[in-house]
């Protein structure tokens, strides 16, 4: 039975590797974007071991904010459609706090002003 469990476990780990690699690439791309746009290296970093060990929350930090970086082929189509040409989108589930979605150009402008004061 142990051999069977180890086989299943390794199969599950292999099944998720492309998704983990895709997420890691997106995290690195996120950090590179901010660095390329003038955000100092210490103000935007990828969190090592995020998701792998306790005490490491979030994928990245940006200007003192902790964040998750997610990428989907088409999972966010509705959000993109609803945001359209607006400056932001406010979304909320019943009995939950509101979330704000901003286009990258607006977020860049906002973070640069925060970094300047930081």
Protein backbone atom coordinates (compact mmCIF):
# COMPACT_ATOMS: atom_id res chain seq x y z
CA UNK A 1 0.00 0.00 0.00
CA UNK A 2 2.85 2.42 0.78
CA UNK A 3 4.28 1.92 -2.70
CA UNK A 4 0.84 2.64 -4.18
CA UNK A 5 0.52 5.88 -2.15
CA UNK A 6 3.99 7.04 -3.19
CA UNK A 7 3.15 6.35 -6.84
CA UNK A 8 -0.10 8.33 -6.64
CA UNK A 9 1.67 11.15 -4.79
CA UNK A 10 4.41 11.45 -7.41
CA UNK A 11 1.80 11.35 -10.19
CA UNK A 12 -0.14 14.20 -8.57
CA UNK A 13 3.06 16.25 -8.12
CA UNK A 14 4.01 15.75 -11.77
CA UNK A 15 0.50 16.69 -12.91
CA UNK A 16 0.84 20.09 -11.19
CA UNK A 17 4.37 20.93 -12.35
CA UNK A 18 3.40 22.85 -15.50
CA UNK A 19 0.97 24.94 -13.46
CA UNK A 20 3.61 25.61 -10.78
CA UNK A 21 6.13 26.57 -13.47
CA UNK A 22 3.59 28.89 -15.11
CA UNK A 23 2.88 30.56 -11.76
CA UNK A 24 6.58 30.96 -11.01
CA UNK A 25 7.17 32.56 -14.43
CA UNK A 26 4.32 35.00 -13.79
CA UNK A 27 5.70 35.92 -10.35
CA UNK A 28 9.12 36.61 -11.87
CA UNK A 29 7.56 38.58 -14.72
CA UNK A 30 5.56 40.63 -12.20
CA UNK A 31 8.72 41.58 -10.26
CA UNK A 32 10.65 42.30 -13.47
CA UNK A 33 7.84 44.59 -14.72
CA UNK A 34 7.99 46.73 -11.59
CA UNK A 35 11.79 46.87 -11.56
CA UNK A 36 11.82 47.82 -15.27
CA UNK A 37 9.40 50.64 -14.46
CA UNK A 38 11.56 52.25 -11.81
CA UNK A 39 10.43 50.56 -8.62
CA UNK A 40 13.52 49.88 -6.46
CA UNK A 41 14.49 46.20 -6.04
CA UNK A 42 13.82 46.29 -2.29
CA UNK A 43 10.29 47.62 -2.88
CA UNK A 44 9.18 44.70 -5.06
CA UNK A 45 10.35 41.19 -4.29
CA UNK A 46 9.23 37.64 -4.88
CA UNK A 47 8.58 35.86 -1.58
CA UNK A 48 10.76 32.74 -1.40
CA UNK A 49 8.96 29.49 -0.55
CA UNK A 50 5.54 31.13 -0.83
CA UNK A 51 2.93 28.43 -0.57
CA UNK A 52 5.53 25.80 0.36
CA UNK A 53 6.07 26.53 4.04
CA UNK A 54 4.21 28.11 6.93
CA UNK A 55 5.03 31.73 7.61
CA UNK A 56 5.54 32.62 3.95
CA UNK A 57 2.32 34.27 2.87
CA UNK A 58 1.72 35.80 -0.52
CA UNK A 59 3.76 35.44 -3.69
CA UNK A 60 5.22 38.95 -3.78
CA UNK A 61 5.57 42.17 -1.85
CA UNK A 62 5.13 45.53 -3.56
CA UNK A 63 5.67 48.80 -1.69
CA UNK A 64 5.08 47.05 1.61
CA UNK A 65 1.90 45.33 0.38
CA UNK A 66 1.67 41.55 0.31
CA UNK A 67 0.10 40.01 -2.77
CA UNK A 68 -0.79 36.91 -4.70
CA UNK A 69 0.03 36.63 -8.39
CA UNK A 70 -2.37 34.51 -10.45
CA UNK A 71 -2.52 33.76 -14.15
CA UNK A 72 -5.27 31.95 -16.05
CA UNK A 73 -5.78 31.38 -19.75
CA UNK A 74 -9.36 32.68 -19.71
CA UNK A 75 -10.52 32.42 -16.09
CA UNK A 76 -10.71 36.18 -15.63
CA UNK A 77 -12.49 37.03 -18.89
CA UNK A 78 -15.59 38.32 -17.08
CA UNK A 79 -13.49 40.68 -14.94
CA UNK A 80 -11.68 42.03 -18.01
CA UNK A 81 -15.01 42.48 -19.82
CA UNK A 82 -16.57 44.29 -16.87
CA UNK A 83 -13.53 46.53 -16.36
CA UNK A 84 -13.57 47.43 -20.06
CA UNK A 85 -12.28 51.01 -20.50
CA UNK A 86 -12.93 52.06 -16.90
CA UNK A 87 -10.24 53.12 -14.44
CA UNK A 88 -11.25 50.52 -11.88
CA UNK A 89 -13.76 47.80 -11.09
CA UNK A 90 -15.23 47.31 -7.62
CA UNK A 91 -16.48 43.79 -6.95
CA UNK A 92 -17.99 42.18 -3.87
CA UNK A 93 -19.58 38.93 -2.80
CA UNK A 94 -22.44 39.02 -0.31
CA UNK A 95 -21.17 39.52 3.24
CA UNK A 96 -17.56 40.08 2.09
CA UNK A 97 -15.47 43.22 1.75
CA UNK A 98 -15.19 44.99 -1.59
CA UNK A 99 -12.24 44.26 -3.91
CA UNK A 100 -10.84 46.77 -6.39
CA UNK A 101 -9.41 45.80 -9.76
CA UNK A 102 -7.15 48.35 -11.49
CA UNK A 103 -5.53 48.31 -14.93
CA UNK A 104 -1.75 48.01 -14.73
CA UNK A 105 -1.09 51.55 -16.00
CA UNK A 106 -3.16 53.02 -13.16
CA UNK A 107 -1.60 50.70 -10.60
CA UNK A 108 1.86 51.72 -11.87
CA UNK A 109 1.04 55.40 -11.38
CA UNK A 110 -0.36 54.72 -7.90
CA UNK A 111 2.59 52.60 -6.75
CA UNK A 112 5.12 55.11 -8.07
CA UNK A 113 3.48 57.82 -5.96
CA UNK A 114 3.50 55.53 -2.91
CA UNK A 115 7.15 54.56 -3.49
CA UNK A 116 8.09 58.22 -3.79
CA UNK A 117 6.66 58.84 -0.31
CA UNK A 118 7.93 55.50 1.09
